[in-house]
PDB file of N, CA and C in Angstrom:
ATOM      1  N   UNK A   1     -38.170 -21.572 -19.713  1.00  0.00           N
ATOM      2  CA  UNK A   1     -37.721 -20.896 -18.471  1.00  0.00           C
ATOM      3  C   UNK A   1     -35.933 -20.601 -18.699  1.00  0.00           C
ATOM      4  N   UNK A   2     -35.504 -20.043 -18.275  1.00  0.00           N
ATOM      5  CA  UNK A   2     -34.148 -19.980 -18.876  1.00  0.00           C
ATOM      6  C   UNK A   2     -32.915 -19.646 -17.113  1.00  0.00           C
ATOM      7  N   UNK A   3     -32.691 -20.814 -16.589  1.00  0.00           N
ATOM      8  CA  UNK A   3     -31.925 -20.202 -15.716  1.00  0.00           C
ATOM      9  C   UNK A   3     -30.632 -20.668 -15.617  1.00  0.00           C
ATOM     10  N   UNK A   4     -29.428 -19.561 -14.990  1.00  0.00           N
ATOM     11  CA  UNK A   4     -27.796 -18.823 -15.400  1.00  0.00           C
ATOM     12  C   UNK A   4     -27.308 -19.044 -14.759  1.00  0.00           C
ATOM     13  N   UNK A   5     -26.244 -19.815 -14.708  1.00  0.00           N
ATOM     14  CA  UNK A   5     -25.009 -19.413 -13.727  1.00  0.00           C
ATOM     15  C   UNK A   5     -25.211 -17.893 -13.430  1.00  0.00           C
ATOM     16  N   UNK A   6     -24.580 -17.344 -11.766  1.00  0.00           N
ATOM     17  CA  UNK A   6     -24.324 -16.150 -11.861  1.00  0.00           C
ATOM     18  C   UNK A   6     -23.195 -15.578 -12.144  1.00  0.00           C
ATOM     19  N   UNK A   7     -22.575 -14.577 -12.999  1.00  0.00           N
ATOM     20  CA  UNK A   7     -21.614 -14.370 -13.370  1.00  0.00           C
ATOM     21  C   UNK A   7     -20.459 -14.328 -12.530  1.00  0.00           C
ATOM     22  N   UNK A   8     -19.639 -15.578 -12.061  1.00  0.00           N
ATOM     23  CA  UNK A   8     -18.393 -14.629 -10.558  1.00  0.00           C
ATOM     24  C   UNK A   8     -16.544 -15.476 -11.228  1.00  0.00           C
ATOM     25  N   UNK A   9     -16.591 -14.468 -10.714  1.00  0.00           N
ATOM     26  CA  UNK A   9     -14.426 -14.456 -10.995  1.00  0.00           C
ATOM     27  C   UNK A   9     -14.251 -16.160 -10.104  1.00  0.00           C
ATOM     28  N   UNK A  10     -13.859 -16.593 -10.590  1.00  0.00           N
ATOM     29  CA  UNK A  10     -12.798 -17.831  -9.771  1.00  0.00           C
ATOM     30  C   UNK A  10     -12.366 -17.418  -8.579  1.00  0.00           C
ATOM     31  N   UNK A  11     -11.749 -18.322  -7.915  1.00  0.00           N
ATOM     32  CA  UNK A  11     -10.907 -18.106  -7.110  1.00  0.00           C
ATOM     33  C   UNK A  11      -9.661 -18.364  -7.214  1.00  0.00           C
ATOM     34  N   UNK A  12      -9.291 -18.908  -8.255  1.00  0.00           N
ATOM     35  CA  UNK A  12      -8.241 -19.222  -8.798  1.00  0.00           C
ATOM     36  C   UNK A  12      -7.766 -17.424  -9.990  1.00  0.00           C
ATOM     37  N   UNK A  13      -8.809 -16.962 -10.505  1.00  0.00           N
ATOM     38  CA  UNK A  13      -8.927 -15.780 -11.174  1.00  0.00           C
ATOM     39  C   UNK A  13      -8.375 -14.935 -10.185  1.00  0.00           C
ATOM     40  N   UNK A  14      -9.446 -14.768  -9.001  1.00  0.00           N
ATOM     41  CA  UNK A  14      -8.793 -13.876  -8.346  1.00  0.00           C
ATOM     42  C   UNK A  14      -7.725 -13.713  -7.308  1.00  0.00           C
ATOM     43  N   UNK A  15      -7.029 -14.520  -6.871  1.00  0.00           N
ATOM     44  CA  UNK A  15      -5.907 -14.693  -6.445  1.00  0.00           C
ATOM     45  C   UNK A  15      -4.672 -14.603  -7.695  1.00  0.00           C
ATOM     46  N   UNK A  16      -4.974 -14.773  -8.848  1.00  0.00           N
ATOM     47  CA  UNK A  16      -4.262 -14.626  -9.784  1.00  0.00           C
ATOM     48  C   UNK A  16      -4.056 -12.711  -9.778  1.00  0.00           C
ATOM     49  N   UNK A  17      -5.307 -12.045  -9.663  1.00  0.00           N
ATOM     50  CA  UNK A  17      -5.161 -10.471 -10.270  1.00  0.00           C
ATOM     51  C   UNK A  17      -4.792 -10.407  -8.901  1.00  0.00           C
ATOM     52  N   UNK A  18      -4.354 -10.405  -7.947  1.00  0.00           N
ATOM     53  CA  UNK A  18      -4.430 -10.121  -6.685  1.00  0.00           C
ATOM     54  C   UNK A  18      -2.733 -10.487  -5.961  1.00  0.00           C
ATOM     55  N   UNK A  19      -3.085 -11.416  -6.524  1.00  0.00           N
ATOM     56  CA  UNK A  19      -1.283 -11.932  -7.246  1.00  0.00           C
ATOM     57  C   UNK A  19      -0.472 -10.072  -8.193  1.00  0.00           C
ATOM     58  N   UNK A  20      -0.634  -9.850  -8.869  1.00  0.00           N
ATOM     59  CA  UNK A  20      -0.468  -9.303 -10.252  1.00  0.00           C
ATOM     60  C   UNK A  20      -1.027  -7.718  -9.073  1.00  0.00           C
ATOM     61  N   UNK A  21      -1.830  -7.150  -8.609  1.00  0.00           N
ATOM     62  CA  UNK A  21      -1.843  -6.184  -8.255  1.00  0.00           C
ATOM     63  C   UNK A  21      -0.896  -5.882  -7.224  1.00  0.00           C
ATOM     64  N   UNK A  22      -1.023  -6.611  -5.766  1.00  0.00           N
ATOM     65  CA  UNK A  22      -0.791  -6.628  -4.692  1.00  0.00           C
ATOM     66  C   UNK A  22       0.834  -5.002  -4.460  1.00  0.00           C
ATOM     67  N   UNK A  23       0.250  -4.438  -3.359  1.00  0.00           N
ATOM     68  CA  UNK A  23       1.155  -3.886  -3.362  1.00  0.00           C
ATOM     69  C   UNK A  23       2.685  -4.762  -2.039  1.00  0.00           C
ATOM     70  N   UNK A  24       2.238  -4.853  -1.228  1.00  0.00           N
ATOM     71  CA  UNK A  24       3.420  -6.205  -0.716  1.00  0.00           C
ATOM     72  C   UNK A  24       2.064  -7.733  -0.483  1.00  0.00           C
ATOM     73  N   UNK A  25       3.597  -8.443   0.470  1.00  0.00           N
ATOM     74  CA  UNK A  25       2.718  -9.771   0.633  1.00  0.00           C
ATOM     75  C   UNK A  25       1.265 -10.024   1.221  1.00  0.00           C
ATOM     76  N   UNK A  26       0.150 -10.480   1.077  1.00  0.00           N
ATOM     77  CA  UNK A  26      -0.624 -10.541   1.912  1.00  0.00           C
ATOM     78  C   UNK A  26      -1.617  -9.427   1.637  1.00  0.00           C
ATOM     79  N   UNK A  27      -1.303  -8.568   0.785  1.00  0.00           N
ATOM     80  CA  UNK A  27      -1.940  -7.045   0.882  1.00  0.00           C
ATOM     81  C   UNK A  27      -3.430  -7.375   0.031  1.00  0.00           C
ATOM     82  N   UNK A  28      -4.774  -7.408   0.227  1.00  0.00           N
ATOM     83  CA  UNK A  28      -6.069  -7.597  -0.497  1.00  0.00           C
ATOM     84  C   UNK A  28      -6.830  -6.298  -0.758  1.00  0.00           C
ATOM     85  N   UNK A  29      -6.647  -5.099   0.274  1.00  0.00           N
ATOM     86  CA  UNK A  29      -7.931  -4.385   0.126  1.00  0.00           C
ATOM     87  C   UNK A  29      -6.810  -2.999  -0.269  1.00  0.00           C
ATOM     88  N   UNK A  30      -6.048  -3.075  -1.061  1.00  0.00           N
ATOM     89  CA  UNK A  30      -4.756  -2.009  -1.338  1.00  0.00           C
ATOM     90  C   UNK A  30      -6.593  -1.688  -2.362  1.00  0.00           C
ATOM     91  N   UNK A  31      -6.319   0.148  -2.835  1.00  0.00           N
ATOM     92  CA  UNK A  31      -6.582   0.324  -3.823  1.00  0.00           C
ATOM     93  C   UNK A  31      -6.536   0.011  -5.294  1.00  0.00           C
ATOM     94  N   UNK A  32      -5.752  -0.362  -5.590  1.00  0.00           N
ATOM     95  CA  UNK A  32      -5.079  -1.533  -7.022  1.00  0.00           C
ATOM     96  C   UNK A  32      -5.806  -2.155  -6.953  1.00  0.00           C
ATOM     97  N   UNK A  33      -5.706  -3.371  -5.595  1.00  0.00           N
ATOM     98  CA  UNK A  33      -6.189  -4.748  -5.300  1.00  0.00           C
ATOM     99  C   UNK A  33      -8.046  -4.384  -5.972  1.00  0.00           C
ATOM    100  N   UNK A  34      -8.582  -3.685  -5.803  1.00  0.00           N
ATOM    101  CA  UNK A  34     -10.196  -3.485  -5.506  1.00  0.00           C
ATOM    102  C   UNK A  34     -10.306  -3.228  -7.026  1.00  0.00           C
ATOM    103  N   UNK A  35      -9.650  -1.793  -7.323  1.00  0.00           N
ATOM    104  CA  UNK A  35     -10.072  -1.110  -9.422  1.00  0.00           C
ATOM    105  C   UNK A  35      -9.796  -2.826  -9.461  1.00  0.00           C
ATOM    106  N   UNK A  36      -8.394  -3.560  -9.490  1.00  0.00           N
ATOM    107  CA  UNK A  36      -8.586  -4.816 -10.159  1.00  0.00           C
ATOM    108  C   UNK A  36      -9.442  -5.661 -11.184  1.00  0.00           C
ATOM    109  N   UNK A  37      -9.799  -5.937  -9.117  1.00  0.00           N
ATOM    110  CA  UNK A  37     -11.201  -7.180  -9.051  1.00  0.00           C
ATOM    111  C   UNK A  37     -11.792  -6.393  -9.910  1.00  0.00           C
ATOM    112  N   UNK A  38     -12.269  -4.888  -9.327  1.00  0.00           N
ATOM    113  CA  UNK A  38     -14.198  -4.270  -9.889  1.00  0.00           C
ATOM    114  C   UNK A  38     -13.692  -4.590 -10.980  1.00  0.00           C
ATOM    115  N   UNK A  39     -12.729  -4.372 -11.611  1.00  0.00           N
ATOM    116  CA  UNK A  39     -12.453  -4.725 -13.111  1.00  0.00           C
ATOM    117  C   UNK A  39     -12.793  -5.445 -13.966  1.00  0.00           C
ATOM    118  N   UNK A  40     -12.054  -6.459 -13.365  1.00  0.00           N
ATOM    119  CA  UNK A  40     -12.495  -8.194 -13.690  1.00  0.00           C
ATOM    120  C   UNK A  40     -14.136  -8.675 -14.005  1.00  0.00           C
ATOM    121  N   UNK A  41     -14.805  -8.132 -12.803  1.00  0.00           N
ATOM    122  CA  UNK A  41     -16.318  -8.355 -12.461  1.00  0.00           C
ATOM    123  C   UNK A  41     -16.946  -7.896 -13.470  1.00  0.00           C
ATOM    124  N   UNK A  42     -16.972  -5.898 -13.700  1.00  0.00           N
ATOM    125  CA  UNK A  42     -17.416  -5.828 -14.802  1.00  0.00           C
ATOM    126  C   UNK A  42     -17.551  -5.868 -15.753  1.00  0.00           C
ATOM    127  N   UNK A  43     -16.030  -6.400 -16.458  1.00  0.00           N
ATOM    128  CA  UNK A  43     -15.807  -7.200 -18.095  1.00  0.00           C
ATOM    129  C   UNK A  43     -16.433  -8.207 -17.790  1.00  0.00           C
ATOM    130  N   UNK A  44     -16.782  -9.176 -16.572  1.00  0.00           N
ATOM    131  CA  UNK A  44     -17.611 -10.395 -17.717  1.00  0.00           C
ATOM    132  C   UNK A  44     -19.296  -9.817 -17.211  1.00  0.00           C
ATOM    133  N   UNK A  45     -19.235  -9.406 -16.379  1.00  0.00           N
ATOM    134  CA  UNK A  45     -21.003  -9.012 -16.144  1.00  0.00           C
ATOM    135  C   UNK A  45     -21.507  -8.332 -17.248  1.00  0.00           C
ATOM    136  N   UNK A  46     -20.517  -6.968 -18.152  1.00  0.00           N
ATOM    137  CA  UNK A  46     -21.268  -6.670 -19.356  1.00  0.00           C
ATOM    138  C   UNK A  46     -21.418  -7.753 -20.103  1.00  0.00           C
ATOM    139  N   UNK A  47     -20.722  -8.977 -20.169  1.00  0.00           N
ATOM    140  CA  UNK A  47     -20.455  -9.679 -21.703  1.00  0.00           C
ATOM    141  C   UNK A  47     -21.916 -10.215 -21.270  1.00  0.00           C
ATOM    142  N   UNK A  48     -21.990 -10.490 -19.960  1.00  0.00           N
ATOM    143  CA  UNK A  48     -23.305 -11.450 -19.605  1.00  0.00           C
ATOM    144  C   UNK A  48     -24.386 -10.356 -20.494  1.00  0.00           C
ATOM    145  N   UNK A  49     -24.087  -9.495 -19.900  1.00  0.00           N
ATOM    146  CA  UNK A  49     -25.279  -8.055 -20.356  1.00  0.00           C
ATOM    147  C   UNK A  49     -25.612  -8.257 -21.694  1.00  0.00           C
ATOM    148  N   UNK A  50     -24.813  -8.399 -22.322  1.00  0.00           N
ATOM    149  CA  UNK A  50     -24.575  -8.775 -23.382  1.00  0.00           C
ATOM    150  C   UNK A  50     -25.457  -9.625 -24.353  1.00  0.00           C
ATOM    151  N   UNK A  51     -25.530 -10.856 -23.497  1.00  0.00           N
ATOM    152  CA  UNK A  51     -26.471 -11.757 -24.255  1.00  0.00           C
ATOM    153  C   UNK A  51     -28.055 -11.769 -22.941  1.00  0.00           C
ATOM    154  N   UNK A  52     -27.920 -10.939 -21.925  1.00  0.00           N
ATOM    155  CA  UNK A  52     -29.197 -11.405 -21.839  1.00  0.00           C
ATOM    156  C   UNK A  52     -29.093  -9.103 -20.996  1.00  0.00           C
ATOM    157  N   UNK A  53     -30.023  -8.936 -22.440  1.00  0.00           N
ATOM    158  CA  UNK A  53     -30.430  -7.713 -22.212  1.00  0.00           C
ATOM    159  C   UNK A  53     -31.203  -7.567 -20.880  1.00  0.00           C
ATOM    160  N   UNK A  54     -32.080  -7.870 -21.019  1.00  0.00           N
ATOM    161  CA  UNK A  54     -33.560  -7.775 -20.327  1.00  0.00           C
ATOM    162  C   UNK A  54     -33.555  -7.956 -18.614  1.00  0.00           C
ATOM    163  N   UNK A  55     -31.986  -8.344 -18.078  1.00  0.00           N
ATOM    164  CA  UNK A  55     -31.646  -8.221 -16.386  1.00  0.00           C
ATOM    165  C   UNK A  55     -31.671  -7.070 -16.060  1.00  0.00           C
ATOM    166  N   UNK A  56     -32.341  -6.265 -15.585  1.00  0.00           N
ATOM    167  CA  UNK A  56     -31.806  -5.171 -14.677  1.00  0.00           C
ATOM    168  C   UNK A  56     -31.534  -5.744 -13.892  1.00  0.00           C
ATOM    169  N   UNK A  57     -31.335  -6.438 -12.953  1.00  0.00           N
ATOM    170  CA  UNK A  57     -30.989  -6.652 -11.701  1.00  0.00           C
ATOM    171  C   UNK A  57     -29.378  -6.871 -11.556  1.00  0.00           C
ATOM    172  N   UNK A  58     -28.901  -7.417 -12.449  1.00  0.00           N
ATOM    173  CA  UNK A  58     -27.536  -7.482 -13.233  1.00  0.00           C
ATOM    174  C   UNK A  58     -27.655  -6.409 -13.424  1.00  0.00           C
ATOM    175  N   UNK A  59     -27.426  -5.383 -14.339  1.00  0.00           N
ATOM    176  CA  UNK A  59     -27.037  -4.283 -14.519  1.00  0.00           C
ATOM    177  C   UNK A  59     -26.998  -3.004 -13.264  1.00  0.00           C
ATOM    178  N   UNK A  60     -27.977  -3.318 -12.540  1.00  0.00           N
ATOM    179  CA  UNK A  60     -28.176  -2.127 -11.308  1.00  0.00           C
ATOM    180  C   UNK A  60     -26.754  -2.631 -10.401  1.00  0.00           C
ATOM    181  N   UNK A  61     -26.240  -3.974 -10.650  1.00  0.00           N
ATOM    182  CA  UNK A  61     -24.925  -4.437  -9.879  1.00  0.00           C
ATOM    183  C   UNK A  61     -23.863  -3.759 -10.478  1.00  0.00           C
ATOM    184  N   UNK A  62     -24.031  -4.140 -11.528  1.00  0.00           N
ATOM    185  CA  UNK A  62     -23.172  -3.127 -12.782  1.00  0.00           C
ATOM    186  C   UNK A  62     -23.268  -1.147 -12.729  1.00  0.00           C
ATOM    187  N   UNK A  63     -23.511  -1.456 -12.479  1.00  0.00           N
ATOM    188  CA  UNK A  63     -23.616   0.286 -12.049  1.00  0.00           C
ATOM    189  C   UNK A  63     -23.016   0.613 -10.766  1.00  0.00           C
ATOM    190  N   UNK A  64     -23.398  -0.189  -9.928  1.00  0.00           N
ATOM    191  CA  UNK A  64     -23.038   0.159  -8.384  1.00  0.00           C
ATOM    192  C   UNK A  64     -21.365   0.064  -8.688  1.00  0.00           C
ATOM    193  N   UNK A  65     -21.148  -1.346  -9.546  1.00  0.00           N
ATOM    194  CA  UNK A  65     -19.738  -1.848  -9.489  1.00  0.00           C
ATOM    195  C   UNK A  65     -19.190  -0.634 -10.124  1.00  0.00           C
ATOM    196  N   UNK A  66     -19.535   0.058 -11.343  1.00  0.00           N
ATOM    197  CA  UNK A  66     -18.714   0.881 -11.884  1.00  0.00           C
ATOM    198  C   UNK A  66     -18.778   1.793 -11.171  1.00  0.00           C
ATOM    199  N   UNK A  67     -19.453   2.584 -10.317  1.00  0.00           N
ATOM    200  CA  UNK A  67     -20.241   4.111  -8.735  1.00  0.00           C
ATOM    201  C   UNK A  67     -18.627   3.079  -7.964  1.00  0.00           C
ATOM    202  N   UNK A  68     -18.101   2.155  -7.749  1.00  0.00           N
ATOM    203  CA  UNK A  68     -17.429   1.935  -6.553  1.00  0.00           C
ATOM    204  C   UNK A  68     -15.688   1.649  -6.940  1.00  0.00           C
ATOM    205  N   UNK A  69     -15.999   1.229  -8.480  1.00  0.00           N
ATOM    206  CA  UNK A  69     -14.406   1.866  -8.782  1.00  0.00           C
ATOM    207  C   UNK A  69     -14.133   3.308  -9.156  1.00  0.00           C
ATOM    208  N   UNK A  70     -14.977   3.734  -9.762  1.00  0.00           N
ATOM    209  CA  UNK A  70     -14.555   5.035  -9.554  1.00  0.00           C
ATOM    210  C   UNK A  70     -14.310   5.890  -8.645  1.00  0.00           C
ATOM    211  N   UNK A  71     -14.796   5.413  -7.436  1.00  0.00           N
ATOM    212  CA  UNK A  71     -14.165   6.257  -6.029  1.00  0.00           C
ATOM    213  C   UNK A  71     -12.809   5.704  -5.822  1.00  0.00           C
ATOM    214  N   UNK A  72     -12.977   4.441  -6.034  1.00  0.00           N
ATOM    215  CA  UNK A  72     -11.170   4.125  -5.587  1.00  0.00           C
ATOM    216  C   UNK A  72     -10.624   4.349  -6.755  1.00  0.00           C
ATOM    217  N   UNK A  73     -10.568   4.991  -8.025  1.00  0.00           N
ATOM    218  CA  UNK A  73      -9.788   5.764  -8.389  1.00  0.00           C
ATOM    219  C   UNK A  73      -9.815   6.657  -8.599  1.00  0.00           C
ATOM    220  N   UNK A  74     -10.936   7.782  -7.919  1.00  0.00           N
ATOM    221  CA  UNK A  74     -11.046   9.431  -7.199  1.00  0.00           C
ATOM    222  C   UNK A  74      -9.374   8.914  -6.716  1.00  0.00           C
ATOM    223  N   UNK A  75     -10.441   8.477  -5.770  1.00  0.00           N
ATOM    224  CA  UNK A  75      -8.937   8.069  -4.428  1.00  0.00           C
ATOM    225  C   UNK A  75      -7.865   8.172  -4.736  1.00  0.00           C
ATOM    226  N   UNK A  76      -7.653   6.541  -5.422  1.00  0.00           N
ATOM    227  CA  UNK A  76      -6.110   6.664  -5.291  1.00  0.00           C
ATOM    228  C   UNK A  76      -4.926   8.045  -6.361  1.00  0.00           C
ATOM    229  N   UNK A  77      -5.887   8.367  -7.107  1.00  0.00           N
ATOM    230  CA  UNK A  77      -5.693   9.625  -8.150  1.00  0.00           C
ATOM    231  C   UNK A  77      -5.130  10.943  -7.041  1.00  0.00           C
ATOM    232  N   UNK A  78      -6.007  11.204  -6.363  1.00  0.00           N
ATOM    233  CA  UNK A  78      -6.002  12.079  -5.377  1.00  0.00           C
ATOM    234  C   UNK A  78      -4.289  11.440  -4.859  1.00  0.00           C
ATOM    235  N   UNK A  79      -4.170  11.063  -4.237  1.00  0.00           N
ATOM    236  CA  UNK A  79      -2.966   9.980  -2.986  1.00  0.00           C
ATOM    237  C   UNK A  79      -1.644   9.723  -3.643  1.00  0.00           C
ATOM    238  N   UNK A  80      -2.005   9.516  -4.840  1.00  0.00           N
ATOM    239  CA  UNK A  80      -1.351   9.496  -5.249  1.00  0.00           C
ATOM    240  C   UNK A  80      -1.358   8.733  -6.930  1.00  0.00           C
ATOM    241  N   UNK A  81      -1.006   9.950  -7.423  1.00  0.00           N
ATOM    242  CA  UNK A  81      -0.951   9.876  -9.182  1.00  0.00           C
ATOM    243  C   UNK A  81      -0.470   9.033  -9.811  1.00  0.00           C
ATOM    244  N   UNK A  82       1.045   8.902  -9.079  1.00  0.00           N
ATOM    245  CA  UNK A  82       1.647   8.096  -9.821  1.00  0.00           C
ATOM    246  C   UNK A  82       0.913   6.425 -10.029  1.00  0.00           C
ATOM    247  N   UNK A  83       0.650   5.490  -8.930  1.00  0.00           N
ATOM    248  CA  UNK A  83       0.365   4.819  -8.728  1.00  0.00           C
ATOM    249  C   UNK A  83      -1.175   4.139  -9.636  1.00  0.00           C
ATOM    250  N   UNK A  84      -1.432   5.256  -9.279  1.00  0.00           N
ATOM    251  CA  UNK A  84      -3.167   5.305 -10.309  1.00  0.00           C
ATOM    252  C   UNK A  84      -3.046   5.282 -11.224  1.00  0.00           C
ATOM    253  N   UNK A  85      -1.813   5.892 -12.410  1.00  0.00           N
ATOM    254  CA  UNK A  85      -1.865   6.000 -14.027  1.00  0.00           C
ATOM    255  C   UNK A  85      -0.994   4.927 -14.211  1.00  0.00           C
ATOM    256  N   UNK A  86      -0.049   4.406 -13.437  1.00  0.00           N
ATOM    257  CA  UNK A  86       0.106   2.757 -13.637  1.00  0.00           C
ATOM    258  C   UNK A  86      -0.558   1.858 -13.456  1.00  0.00           C
ATOM    259  N   UNK A  87      -1.691   1.863 -12.464  1.00  0.00           N
ATOM    260  CA  UNK A  87      -3.292   0.590 -12.562  1.00  0.00           C
ATOM    261  C   UNK A  87      -4.063   1.181 -13.761  1.00  0.00           C
ATOM    262  N   UNK A  88      -4.129   2.941 -13.769  1.00  0.00           N
ATOM    263  CA  UNK A  88      -5.425   2.928 -15.082  1.00  0.00           C
ATOM    264  C   UNK A  88      -4.590   2.400 -16.537  1.00  0.00           C
ATOM    265  N   UNK A  89      -3.222   1.663 -16.942  1.00  0.00           N
ATOM    266  CA  UNK A  89      -2.707   1.937 -18.048  1.00  0.00           C
ATOM    267  C   UNK A  89      -2.185  -0.122 -18.034  1.00  0.00           C
ATOM    268  N   UNK A  90      -2.367  -0.410 -17.030  1.00  0.00           N
ATOM    269  CA  UNK A  90      -2.195  -1.815 -17.076  1.00  0.00           C
ATOM    270  C   UNK A  90      -3.710  -2.674 -17.273  1.00  0.00           C
ATOM    271  N   UNK A  91      -4.398  -2.215 -16.003  1.00  0.00           N
ATOM    272  CA  UNK A  91      -5.852  -2.298 -17.092  1.00  0.00           C
ATOM    273  C   UNK A  91      -6.449  -1.824 -17.993  1.00  0.00           C
ATOM    274  N   UNK A  92      -6.103  -0.968 -18.841  1.00  0.00           N
ATOM    275  CA  UNK A  92      -6.723  -0.194 -20.062  1.00  0.00           C
ATOM    276  C   UNK A  92      -8.143   0.591 -19.346  1.00  0.00           C
ATOM    277  N   UNK A  93      -7.897   1.439 -18.623  1.00  0.00           N
ATOM    278  CA  UNK A  93      -9.221   2.038 -17.752  1.00  0.00           C
ATOM    279  C   UNK A  93      -8.288   3.781 -18.149  1.00  0.00           C
ATOM    280  N   UNK A  94      -9.682   4.721 -18.656  1.00  0.00           N
ATOM    281  CA  UNK A  94      -9.597   5.884 -18.693  1.00  0.00           C
ATOM    282  C   UNK A  94      -8.082   6.407 -19.275  1.00  0.00           C
TER     283      UNK A  94
END
């Protein structure tokens, strides 16, 4: 039986991502921060799924995260395309 730990972003990683992408001090909910955190989780979960190909529950979670990130990106592109292009180039998406 294979027991593996869930793929998670550590508290320190999360804090550094928030500091890098926040619009102002104390900002944790802006689209940039949310997309950056989702991207980190998506990348880690993708690595997990390469090793554990039959983990369908995690695959479903990955698809939900990708859809959520796409929604945030679409919102940001509609509201402020300059911030969108800056974030997309910083994260290496699209």
